[in-house]
Amino acid sequence: MKNLKFDGRYKDDILSGRKKATIRLGKKINLRPGEEVLVHAGGYVLGKAKITRVETKTVAELTDEDARKDGFRNREELIEALRQHYKFVKPNSPATIVEFEMVKVLDKPILSADYPYEGNNPIEIAELALKHLDNLSFEEIALLKLFLKEGSLRKAAMKLGGLNKRYKIREVLRKAYEELKKRGIMEPKI
């Protein structure tokens, strides 16, 4: 599933429904009407949204209505916000409007870093994997045990030689989660 990420300052506007669109500079937006996306704000997954409209205009063509859908009072306020997010905002800069409708809001936002496990806690995944999966390699078992002993990806990666080793543990957790799902032991929380 694709992601639509926002600065944390927009979280309340998204959750209240005041923000129903985002305007991003540039034409390369890989979203289409009808697609579902995960909505992130401030490092948390807030829920799922359905893309309802995607249109590209120039900054000069943006309207007060475009601004209101993006949670701003008027076009001038929107353009000021764009200047905070982008280095160069010119009248002829392409601006892509992505309108969305929240279809599911989580009761409790999930850390974006934990989402690869569909809202499940990585520690619980490691515990269940060691208990139920008999097809893990020696290295996978060792990585899961290290992760559990250290209590965090960061600390476990440091024991392996540095933060750049986090990918090893993440790969094992993702593989274990998919197998636990396949066996009906875990299911997505989002």
N, C-alpha and C. Protein backbone atom coordinates (compact mmCIF):
# COMPACT_ATOMS: atom_id res chain seq x y z
N MET A 1 0.84 -1.18 0.00
CA MET A 1 0.00 0.00 0.00
C MET A 1 0.88 1.24 0.00
N LYS A 2 0.48 2.24 -0.74
CA LYS A 2 1.25 3.48 -0.83
C LYS A 2 1.02 4.34 0.42
N ASN A 3 1.89 5.33 0.58
CA ASN A 3 1.85 6.19 1.75
C ASN A 3 1.66 7.64 1.34
N LEU A 4 0.94 8.38 2.18
CA LEU A 4 0.78 9.81 2.02
C LEU A 4 1.24 10.41 3.35
N LYS A 5 2.39 11.09 3.31
CA LYS A 5 3.02 11.55 4.55
C LYS A 5 2.88 13.06 4.71
N PHE A 6 2.64 13.45 5.97
CA PHE A 6 2.45 14.85 6.31
C PHE A 6 3.32 15.22 7.50
N ASP A 7 3.64 16.48 7.59
CA ASP A 7 4.27 17.04 8.77
C ASP A 7 3.31 16.87 9.94
N GLY A 8 3.84 16.67 11.13
CA GLY A 8 3.02 16.46 12.32
C GLY A 8 2.05 17.59 12.62
N ARG A 9 2.35 18.80 12.17
CA ARG A 9 1.46 19.93 12.47
C ARG A 9 0.08 19.80 11.80
N TYR A 10 -0.03 18.90 10.82
CA TYR A 10 -1.30 18.73 10.11
C TYR A 10 -2.17 17.60 10.67
N LYS A 11 -1.67 16.90 11.68
CA LYS A 11 -2.38 15.73 12.22
C LYS A 11 -3.81 16.05 12.63
N ASP A 12 -4.01 17.07 13.45
CA ASP A 12 -5.35 17.39 13.95
C ASP A 12 -6.29 17.79 12.82
N ASP A 13 -5.79 18.54 11.84
CA ASP A 13 -6.62 18.93 10.70
C ASP A 13 -7.04 17.72 9.87
N ILE A 14 -6.15 16.76 9.73
CA ILE A 14 -6.49 15.53 8.99
C ILE A 14 -7.56 14.76 9.75
N LEU A 15 -7.32 14.56 11.05
CA LEU A 15 -8.26 13.77 11.86
C LEU A 15 -9.63 14.43 11.98
N SER A 16 -9.67 15.75 12.01
CA SER A 16 -10.94 16.46 12.13
C SER A 16 -11.69 16.54 10.80
N GLY A 17 -11.00 16.24 9.70
CA GLY A 17 -11.63 16.33 8.38
C GLY A 17 -11.49 17.71 7.76
N ARG A 18 -10.84 18.63 8.45
CA ARG A 18 -10.63 19.97 7.90
C ARG A 18 -9.68 19.92 6.70
N LYS A 19 -8.69 19.04 6.77
CA LYS A 19 -7.73 18.88 5.67
C LYS A 19 -8.15 17.67 4.85
N LYS A 20 -8.61 17.93 3.62
CA LYS A 20 -9.10 16.88 2.72
C LYS A 20 -8.26 16.79 1.46
N ALA A 21 -7.15 17.52 1.45
CA ALA A 21 -6.28 17.53 0.28
C ALA A 21 -4.87 17.91 0.71
N THR A 22 -3.95 17.63 -0.18
CA THR A 22 -2.59 18.10 0.00
C THR A 22 -2.12 18.62 -1.35
N ILE A 23 -1.38 19.69 -1.31
CA ILE A 23 -0.85 20.27 -2.55
C ILE A 23 0.66 20.15 -2.47
N ARG A 24 1.22 19.43 -3.42
CA ARG A 24 2.65 19.17 -3.46
C ARG A 24 3.22 19.77 -4.73
N LEU A 25 4.37 20.43 -4.61
CA LEU A 25 5.00 20.97 -5.80
C LEU A 25 5.57 19.84 -6.64
N GLY A 26 5.39 19.94 -7.93
CA GLY A 26 5.89 18.94 -8.87
C GLY A 26 4.75 18.16 -9.50
N LYS A 27 5.10 17.45 -10.57
CA LYS A 27 4.10 16.67 -11.32
C LYS A 27 4.16 15.19 -10.99
N LYS A 28 5.25 14.72 -10.41
CA LYS A 28 5.45 13.28 -10.22
C LYS A 28 4.79 12.82 -8.92
N ILE A 29 3.51 12.66 -8.95
CA ILE A 29 2.76 12.11 -7.82
C ILE A 29 2.24 10.75 -8.28
N ASN A 30 2.69 9.71 -7.63
CA ASN A 30 2.35 8.36 -8.05
C ASN A 30 1.06 7.88 -7.37
N LEU A 31 0.01 8.65 -7.48
CA LEU A 31 -1.29 8.31 -6.88
C LEU A 31 -2.38 8.51 -7.91
N ARG A 32 -3.41 7.66 -7.82
CA ARG A 32 -4.55 7.75 -8.74
C ARG A 32 -5.85 7.70 -7.95
N PRO A 33 -6.89 8.35 -8.46
CA PRO A 33 -8.19 8.25 -7.80
C PRO A 33 -8.61 6.79 -7.63
N GLY A 34 -9.17 6.49 -6.46
CA GLY A 34 -9.61 5.14 -6.16
C GLY A 34 -8.61 4.34 -5.35
N GLU A 35 -7.32 4.74 -5.37
CA GLU A 35 -6.31 4.03 -4.59
C GLU A 35 -6.48 4.31 -3.11
N GLU A 36 -6.16 3.31 -2.29
CA GLU A 36 -6.11 3.52 -0.85
C GLU A 36 -4.66 3.72 -0.45
N VAL A 37 -4.46 4.61 0.51
CA VAL A 37 -3.12 4.94 0.99
C VAL A 37 -3.13 4.96 2.51
N LEU A 38 -1.96 4.78 3.09
CA LEU A 38 -1.80 4.99 4.52
C LEU A 38 -1.47 6.45 4.73
N VAL A 39 -2.13 7.07 5.68
CA VAL A 39 -1.88 8.47 5.98
C VAL A 39 -1.00 8.55 7.22
N HIS A 40 0.17 9.20 7.06
CA HIS A 40 1.13 9.38 8.15
C HIS A 40 1.20 10.86 8.49
N ALA A 41 1.37 11.16 9.77
CA ALA A 41 1.64 12.54 10.18
C ALA A 41 2.52 12.49 11.41
N GLY A 42 3.62 13.22 11.36
CA GLY A 42 4.52 13.29 12.50
C GLY A 42 5.11 11.95 12.91
N GLY A 43 5.30 11.05 11.95
CA GLY A 43 5.91 9.76 12.26
C GLY A 43 4.94 8.69 12.71
N TYR A 44 3.64 8.96 12.58
CA TYR A 44 2.62 7.98 12.98
C TYR A 44 1.65 7.72 11.84
N VAL A 45 1.20 6.48 11.74
CA VAL A 45 0.13 6.14 10.80
C VAL A 45 -1.18 6.50 11.50
N LEU A 46 -1.98 7.37 10.85
CA LEU A 46 -3.26 7.79 11.42
C LEU A 46 -4.40 6.91 10.96
N GLY A 47 -4.26 6.33 9.76
CA GLY A 47 -5.32 5.49 9.20
C GLY A 47 -5.17 5.35 7.71
N LYS A 48 -6.27 4.95 7.08
CA LYS A 48 -6.29 4.77 5.63
C LYS A 48 -7.17 5.83 5.00
N ALA A 49 -6.80 6.22 3.78
CA ALA A 49 -7.59 7.18 3.02
C ALA A 49 -7.73 6.67 1.59
N LYS A 50 -8.79 7.13 0.95
CA LYS A 50 -9.01 6.82 -0.46
C LYS A 50 -8.74 8.11 -1.25
N ILE A 51 -7.93 8.00 -2.29
CA ILE A 51 -7.65 9.15 -3.14
C ILE A 51 -8.89 9.40 -4.00
N THR A 52 -9.39 10.64 -3.97
CA THR A 52 -10.61 10.96 -4.72
C THR A 52 -10.33 11.80 -5.96
N ARG A 53 -9.20 12.53 -5.97
CA ARG A 53 -8.91 13.39 -7.12
C ARG A 53 -7.43 13.71 -7.14
N VAL A 54 -6.84 13.74 -8.33
CA VAL A 54 -5.46 14.18 -8.52
C VAL A 54 -5.44 15.11 -9.73
N GLU A 55 -4.95 16.33 -9.52
CA GLU A 55 -4.92 17.32 -10.61
C GLU A 55 -3.67 18.17 -10.48
N THR A 56 -3.06 18.48 -11.61
CA THR A 56 -1.88 19.34 -11.61
C THR A 56 -2.23 20.69 -12.22
N LYS A 57 -1.82 21.74 -11.52
CA LYS A 57 -1.98 23.13 -11.97
C LYS A 57 -0.64 23.82 -11.74
N THR A 58 -0.57 25.08 -12.09
CA THR A 58 0.59 25.87 -11.68
C THR A 58 0.23 26.55 -10.36
N VAL A 59 1.23 27.02 -9.65
CA VAL A 59 0.98 27.73 -8.39
C VAL A 59 0.07 28.92 -8.65
N ALA A 60 0.27 29.62 -9.77
CA ALA A 60 -0.55 30.78 -10.09
C ALA A 60 -2.03 30.42 -10.27
N GLU A 61 -2.33 29.18 -10.66
CA GLU A 61 -3.71 28.75 -10.90
C GLU A 61 -4.41 28.25 -9.63
N LEU A 62 -3.68 28.10 -8.53
CA LEU A 62 -4.31 27.63 -7.29
C LEU A 62 -5.36 28.64 -6.81
N THR A 63 -6.45 28.12 -6.25
CA THR A 63 -7.57 28.97 -5.85
C THR A 63 -7.77 28.93 -4.33
N ASP A 64 -8.65 29.82 -3.86
CA ASP A 64 -9.03 29.79 -2.45
C ASP A 64 -9.69 28.46 -2.10
N GLU A 65 -10.46 27.90 -3.03
CA GLU A 65 -11.10 26.59 -2.79
C GLU A 65 -10.05 25.50 -2.62
N ASP A 66 -9.02 25.51 -3.46
CA ASP A 66 -7.92 24.54 -3.31
C ASP A 66 -7.30 24.69 -1.92
N ALA A 67 -7.08 25.93 -1.51
CA ALA A 67 -6.47 26.20 -0.21
C ALA A 67 -7.36 25.68 0.93
N ARG A 68 -8.66 25.91 0.87
CA ARG A 68 -9.57 25.45 1.94
C ARG A 68 -9.58 23.93 2.05
N LYS A 69 -9.55 23.24 0.92
CA LYS A 69 -9.52 21.77 0.96
C LYS A 69 -8.23 21.28 1.61
N ASP A 70 -7.15 22.07 1.49
CA ASP A 70 -5.87 21.73 2.08
C ASP A 70 -5.76 22.22 3.53
N GLY A 71 -6.86 22.77 4.06
CA GLY A 71 -6.89 23.17 5.46
C GLY A 71 -6.47 24.60 5.73
N PHE A 72 -6.33 25.42 4.67
CA PHE A 72 -5.92 26.81 4.84
C PHE A 72 -7.10 27.74 4.60
N ARG A 73 -7.01 28.96 5.13
CA ARG A 73 -8.13 29.92 4.99
C ARG A 73 -8.26 30.43 3.56
N ASN A 74 -7.09 30.63 2.90
CA ASN A 74 -7.13 31.21 1.56
C ASN A 74 -5.84 30.85 0.80
N ARG A 75 -5.81 31.26 -0.44
CA ARG A 75 -4.69 30.96 -1.33
C ARG A 75 -3.38 31.52 -0.80
N GLU A 76 -3.42 32.73 -0.26
CA GLU A 76 -2.20 33.37 0.24
C GLU A 76 -1.60 32.56 1.39
N GLU A 77 -2.45 32.08 2.30
CA GLU A 77 -1.98 31.27 3.42
C GLU A 77 -1.38 29.96 2.91
N LEU A 78 -2.00 29.37 1.90
CA LEU A 78 -1.49 28.14 1.30
C LEU A 78 -0.11 28.38 0.69
N ILE A 79 0.04 29.44 -0.06
CA ILE A 79 1.32 29.71 -0.73
C ILE A 79 2.42 29.97 0.31
N GLU A 80 2.07 30.64 1.39
CA GLU A 80 3.04 30.85 2.47
C GLU A 80 3.49 29.51 3.06
N ALA A 81 2.55 28.58 3.25
CA ALA A 81 2.89 27.24 3.76
C ALA A 81 3.76 26.49 2.76
N LEU A 82 3.47 26.61 1.46
CA LEU A 82 4.30 25.96 0.45
C LEU A 82 5.73 26.48 0.52
N ARG A 83 5.87 27.77 0.77
CA ARG A 83 7.22 28.36 0.87
C ARG A 83 7.99 27.81 2.08
N GLN A 84 7.26 27.40 3.12
CA GLN A 84 7.92 26.80 4.29
C GLN A 84 8.41 25.38 3.98
N HIS A 85 7.73 24.69 3.07
CA HIS A 85 8.07 23.31 2.75
C HIS A 85 9.02 23.18 1.56
N TYR A 86 9.01 24.14 0.65
CA TYR A 86 9.81 24.04 -0.57
C TYR A 86 10.72 25.26 -0.69
N LYS A 87 11.90 25.02 -1.22
CA LYS A 87 12.89 26.08 -1.36
C LYS A 87 12.45 27.15 -2.35
N PHE A 88 11.96 26.70 -3.53
CA PHE A 88 11.56 27.65 -4.57
C PHE A 88 10.09 27.45 -4.91
N VAL A 89 9.31 28.51 -4.76
CA VAL A 89 7.89 28.48 -5.15
C VAL A 89 7.70 29.65 -6.11
N LYS A 90 7.49 29.31 -7.39
CA LYS A 90 7.32 30.33 -8.41
C LYS A 90 5.92 30.21 -8.99
N PRO A 91 5.37 31.27 -9.57
CA PRO A 91 4.02 31.21 -10.14
C PRO A 91 3.85 30.09 -11.17
N ASN A 92 4.91 29.77 -11.93
CA ASN A 92 4.79 28.73 -12.95
C ASN A 92 5.20 27.34 -12.45
N SER A 93 5.51 27.21 -11.16
CA SER A 93 5.85 25.89 -10.60
C SER A 93 4.64 24.98 -10.66
N PRO A 94 4.81 23.73 -11.11
CA PRO A 94 3.67 22.81 -11.11
C PRO A 94 3.31 22.43 -9.67
N ALA A 95 2.02 22.37 -9.41
CA ALA A 95 1.51 22.00 -8.08
C ALA A 95 0.45 20.92 -8.29
N THR A 96 0.64 19.79 -7.66
CA THR A 96 -0.31 18.68 -7.79
C THR A 96 -1.21 18.64 -6.57
N ILE A 97 -2.51 18.67 -6.84
CA ILE A 97 -3.52 18.62 -5.78
C ILE A 97 -3.95 17.17 -5.64
N VAL A 98 -3.83 16.64 -4.44
CA VAL A 98 -4.26 15.27 -4.15
C VAL A 98 -5.36 15.36 -3.10
N GLU A 99 -6.60 15.08 -3.53
CA GLU A 99 -7.72 15.08 -2.59
C GLU A 99 -7.92 13.66 -2.08
N PHE A 100 -8.30 13.56 -0.81
CA PHE A 100 -8.47 12.24 -0.20
C PHE A 100 -9.63 12.27 0.79
N GLU A 101 -10.10 11.07 1.09
CA GLU A 101 -11.17 10.90 2.07
C GLU A 101 -10.71 9.81 3.04
N MET A 102 -10.67 10.14 4.32
CA MET A 102 -10.28 9.14 5.32
C MET A 102 -11.36 8.06 5.36
N VAL A 103 -10.95 6.80 5.20
CA VAL A 103 -11.90 5.69 5.24
C VAL A 103 -11.77 4.88 6.52
N LYS A 104 -10.62 5.03 7.19
CA LYS A 104 -10.44 4.37 8.48
C LYS A 104 -9.46 5.19 9.30
N VAL A 105 -9.88 5.56 10.50
CA VAL A 105 -9.01 6.29 11.42
C VAL A 105 -8.71 5.34 12.57
N LEU A 106 -7.43 5.22 12.89
CA LEU A 106 -7.04 4.33 13.98
C LEU A 106 -7.40 4.94 15.33
N ASP A 107 -7.85 4.11 16.25
CA ASP A 107 -8.13 4.58 17.60
C ASP A 107 -6.85 5.09 18.25
N LYS A 108 -5.77 4.39 17.97
CA LYS A 108 -4.47 4.77 18.51
C LYS A 108 -3.47 4.75 17.35
N PRO A 109 -2.91 5.90 16.98
CA PRO A 109 -1.94 5.92 15.87
C PRO A 109 -0.78 4.95 16.12
N ILE A 110 -0.25 4.40 15.03
CA ILE A 110 0.85 3.44 15.08
C ILE A 110 2.11 4.13 14.58
N LEU A 111 3.23 3.90 15.26
CA LEU A 111 4.49 4.45 14.78
C LEU A 111 4.70 4.02 13.33
N SER A 112 5.04 4.95 12.47
CA SER A 112 5.26 4.62 11.06
C SER A 112 6.31 3.52 10.90
N ALA A 113 7.32 3.53 11.76
CA ALA A 113 8.37 2.51 11.68
C ALA A 113 7.84 1.11 11.96
N ASP A 114 6.74 1.02 12.72
CA ASP A 114 6.16 -0.29 13.05
C ASP A 114 5.16 -0.75 11.99
N TYR A 115 4.80 0.11 11.05
CA TYR A 115 3.76 -0.28 10.11
C TYR A 115 4.10 -1.46 9.21
N PRO A 116 5.36 -1.71 8.89
CA PRO A 116 5.61 -2.88 8.03
C PRO A 116 4.98 -4.16 8.60
N TYR A 117 4.66 -4.13 9.88
CA TYR A 117 4.05 -5.29 10.53
C TYR A 117 2.55 -5.06 10.72
N GLU A 118 1.97 -4.16 9.95
CA GLU A 118 0.54 -3.87 9.92
C GLU A 118 -0.03 -3.58 11.30
N GLY A 119 0.74 -2.82 12.08
CA GLY A 119 0.27 -2.40 13.39
C GLY A 119 0.61 -3.34 14.52
N ASN A 120 1.23 -4.46 14.22
CA ASN A 120 1.61 -5.41 15.25
C ASN A 120 2.96 -5.03 15.85
N ASN A 121 3.10 -5.31 17.13
CA ASN A 121 4.31 -4.97 17.87
C ASN A 121 5.44 -5.91 17.46
N PRO A 122 6.60 -5.37 17.05
CA PRO A 122 7.72 -6.21 16.63
C PRO A 122 8.19 -7.19 17.72
N ILE A 123 8.11 -6.78 18.98
CA ILE A 123 8.53 -7.68 20.06
C ILE A 123 7.60 -8.89 20.13
N GLU A 124 6.29 -8.65 19.99
CA GLU A 124 5.34 -9.76 19.98
C GLU A 124 5.58 -10.67 18.78
N ILE A 125 5.92 -10.10 17.64
CA ILE A 125 6.21 -10.91 16.45
C ILE A 125 7.40 -11.82 16.73
N ALA A 126 8.47 -11.25 17.30
CA ALA A 126 9.67 -12.05 17.60
C ALA A 126 9.34 -13.17 18.57
N GLU A 127 8.59 -12.87 19.61
CA GLU A 127 8.23 -13.90 20.60
C GLU A 127 7.41 -15.02 19.96
N LEU A 128 6.40 -14.65 19.18
CA LEU A 128 5.56 -15.66 18.54
C LEU A 128 6.33 -16.46 17.50
N ALA A 129 7.23 -15.80 16.80
CA ALA A 129 8.03 -16.50 15.79
C ALA A 129 8.90 -17.58 16.45
N LEU A 130 9.55 -17.22 17.55
CA LEU A 130 10.40 -18.20 18.24
C LEU A 130 9.58 -19.35 18.82
N LYS A 131 8.35 -19.06 19.18
CA LYS A 131 7.49 -20.09 19.78
C LYS A 131 6.86 -21.00 18.73
N HIS A 132 6.45 -20.43 17.57
CA HIS A 132 5.64 -21.19 16.62
C HIS A 132 6.31 -21.57 15.29
N LEU A 133 7.38 -20.89 14.93
CA LEU A 133 7.97 -21.14 13.61
C LEU A 133 9.17 -22.06 13.73
N ASP A 134 9.04 -23.24 13.15
CA ASP A 134 10.12 -24.23 13.21
C ASP A 134 11.02 -24.19 11.97
N ASN A 135 10.73 -23.28 11.06
CA ASN A 135 11.51 -23.22 9.82
C ASN A 135 12.49 -22.05 9.82
N LEU A 136 12.78 -21.47 10.98
CA LEU A 136 13.73 -20.36 11.05
C LEU A 136 15.16 -20.90 11.01
N SER A 137 16.02 -20.16 10.34
CA SER A 137 17.44 -20.55 10.31
C SER A 137 18.09 -20.21 11.65
N PHE A 138 19.28 -20.77 11.85
CA PHE A 138 20.04 -20.48 13.06
C PHE A 138 20.28 -18.97 13.19
N GLU A 139 20.65 -18.34 12.08
CA GLU A 139 20.91 -16.89 12.10
C GLU A 139 19.64 -16.10 12.43
N GLU A 140 18.50 -16.50 11.86
CA GLU A 140 17.24 -15.80 12.14
C GLU A 140 16.86 -15.93 13.61
N ILE A 141 17.05 -17.12 14.17
CA ILE A 141 16.76 -17.32 15.60
C ILE A 141 17.66 -16.44 16.44
N ALA A 142 18.94 -16.40 16.09
CA ALA A 142 19.90 -15.58 16.84
C ALA A 142 19.53 -14.10 16.77
N LEU A 143 19.14 -13.63 15.59
CA LEU A 143 18.76 -12.21 15.45
C LEU A 143 17.50 -11.88 16.26
N LEU A 144 16.51 -12.77 16.23
CA LEU A 144 15.28 -12.53 17.00
C LEU A 144 15.58 -12.54 18.50
N LYS A 145 16.41 -13.46 18.95
CA LYS A 145 16.77 -13.51 20.37
C LYS A 145 17.54 -12.25 20.79
N LEU A 146 18.45 -11.80 19.94
CA LEU A 146 19.19 -10.57 20.23
C LEU A 146 18.24 -9.39 20.33
N PHE A 147 17.32 -9.30 19.38
CA PHE A 147 16.33 -8.22 19.38
C PHE A 147 15.52 -8.24 20.68
N LEU A 148 15.07 -9.41 21.10
CA LEU A 148 14.29 -9.51 22.34
C LEU A 148 15.14 -9.16 23.56
N LYS A 149 16.36 -9.61 23.58
CA LYS A 149 17.25 -9.33 24.72
C LYS A 149 17.50 -7.82 24.84
N GLU A 150 17.74 -7.17 23.71
CA GLU A 150 18.06 -5.74 23.73
C GLU A 150 16.81 -4.87 23.85
N GLY A 151 15.67 -5.35 23.37
CA GLY A 151 14.41 -4.62 23.52
C GLY A 151 14.15 -3.56 22.47
N SER A 152 15.07 -3.36 21.54
CA SER A 152 14.83 -2.39 20.46
C SER A 152 15.71 -2.71 19.27
N LEU A 153 15.23 -2.31 18.10
CA LEU A 153 16.01 -2.49 16.87
C LEU A 153 17.34 -1.75 16.97
N ARG A 154 17.28 -0.56 17.48
CA ARG A 154 18.46 0.29 17.58
C ARG A 154 19.56 -0.38 18.40
N LYS A 155 19.19 -0.84 19.61
CA LYS A 155 20.18 -1.46 20.50
C LYS A 155 20.70 -2.77 19.90
N ALA A 156 19.82 -3.56 19.33
CA ALA A 156 20.25 -4.82 18.72
C ALA A 156 21.19 -4.56 17.55
N ALA A 157 20.88 -3.55 16.72
CA ALA A 157 21.73 -3.22 15.58
C ALA A 157 23.11 -2.77 16.06
N MET A 158 23.15 -2.02 17.13
CA MET A 158 24.44 -1.57 17.66
C MET A 158 25.29 -2.77 18.10
N LYS A 159 24.66 -3.79 18.66
CA LYS A 159 25.39 -5.01 19.06
C LYS A 159 25.93 -5.75 17.82
N LEU A 160 25.25 -5.57 16.69
CA LEU A 160 25.69 -6.21 15.44
C LEU A 160 26.76 -5.40 14.72
N GLY A 161 27.02 -4.19 15.19
CA GLY A 161 28.08 -3.40 14.57
C GLY A 161 27.68 -2.02 14.11
N GLY A 162 26.43 -1.62 14.28
CA GLY A 162 26.03 -0.26 13.92
C GLY A 162 24.59 -0.19 13.45
N LEU A 163 24.07 1.03 13.42
CA LEU A 163 22.67 1.24 13.04
C LEU A 163 22.36 0.74 11.63
N ASN A 164 23.38 0.71 10.77
CA ASN A 164 23.15 0.24 9.41
C ASN A 164 22.83 -1.27 9.37
N LYS A 165 22.88 -1.94 10.50
CA LYS A 165 22.55 -3.38 10.57
C LYS A 165 21.08 -3.62 10.91
N ARG A 166 20.32 -2.54 11.13
CA ARG A 166 18.90 -2.71 11.46
C ARG A 166 18.15 -3.50 10.39
N TYR A 167 18.57 -3.33 9.14
CA TYR A 167 17.87 -4.00 8.04
C TYR A 167 17.84 -5.52 8.24
N LYS A 168 18.90 -6.09 8.83
CA LYS A 168 18.95 -7.54 9.04
C LYS A 168 17.80 -7.99 9.95
N ILE A 169 17.61 -7.26 11.02
CA ILE A 169 16.56 -7.62 11.97
C ILE A 169 15.19 -7.35 11.36
N ARG A 170 15.05 -6.23 10.66
CA ARG A 170 13.77 -5.93 10.01
C ARG A 170 13.38 -7.01 9.00
N GLU A 171 14.35 -7.48 8.23
CA GLU A 171 14.07 -8.54 7.25
C GLU A 171 13.53 -9.79 7.93
N VAL A 172 14.15 -10.19 9.03
CA VAL A 172 13.71 -11.38 9.75
C VAL A 172 12.33 -11.15 10.35
N LEU A 173 12.10 -9.97 10.91
CA LEU A 173 10.78 -9.67 11.48
C LEU A 173 9.69 -9.69 10.41
N ARG A 174 9.98 -9.10 9.25
CA ARG A 174 8.98 -9.10 8.16
C ARG A 174 8.68 -10.52 7.69
N LYS A 175 9.73 -11.31 7.51
CA LYS A 175 9.55 -12.70 7.08
C LYS A 175 8.74 -13.48 8.13
N ALA A 176 9.10 -13.31 9.39
CA ALA A 176 8.39 -14.01 10.47
C ALA A 176 6.94 -13.57 10.53
N TYR A 177 6.70 -12.27 10.38
CA TYR A 177 5.33 -11.76 10.44
C TYR A 177 4.49 -12.35 9.31
N GLU A 178 5.04 -12.37 8.10
CA GLU A 178 4.29 -12.92 6.96
C GLU A 178 3.96 -14.40 7.20
N GLU A 179 4.90 -15.15 7.77
CA GLU A 179 4.65 -16.57 8.04
C GLU A 179 3.62 -16.73 9.17
N LEU A 180 3.70 -15.91 10.19
CA LEU A 180 2.71 -15.96 11.28
C LEU A 180 1.31 -15.62 10.75
N LYS A 181 1.25 -14.67 9.83
CA LYS A 181 -0.03 -14.32 9.20
C LYS A 181 -0.57 -15.49 8.39
N LYS A 182 0.31 -16.08 7.59
CA LYS A 182 -0.09 -17.20 6.74
C LYS A 182 -0.66 -18.35 7.58
N ARG A 183 -0.09 -18.56 8.75
CA ARG A 183 -0.53 -19.65 9.62
C ARG A 183 -1.72 -19.28 10.50
N GLY A 184 -2.19 -18.01 10.40
CA GLY A 184 -3.34 -17.59 11.19
C GLY A 184 -3.04 -17.27 12.63
N ILE A 185 -1.77 -17.11 12.96
CA ILE A 185 -1.36 -16.82 14.34
C ILE A 185 -1.47 -15.32 14.62
N MET A 186 -1.22 -14.50 13.62
CA MET A 186 -1.34 -13.04 13.74
C MET A 186 -2.16 -12.53 12.58
N GLU A 187 -2.74 -11.36 12.78
CA GLU A 187 -3.47 -10.72 11.68
C GLU A 187 -3.25 -9.21 11.76
N PRO A 188 -3.44 -8.52 10.65
CA PRO A 188 -3.23 -7.07 10.63
C PRO A 188 -4.15 -6.36 11.63
N LYS A 189 -3.61 -5.29 12.23
CA LYS A 189 -4.41 -4.48 13.14
C LYS A 189 -4.95 -3.25 12.45
N ILE A 190 -4.56 -3.04 11.21
CA ILE A 190 -5.06 -1.90 10.45
C ILE A 190 -5.61 -2.38 9.13
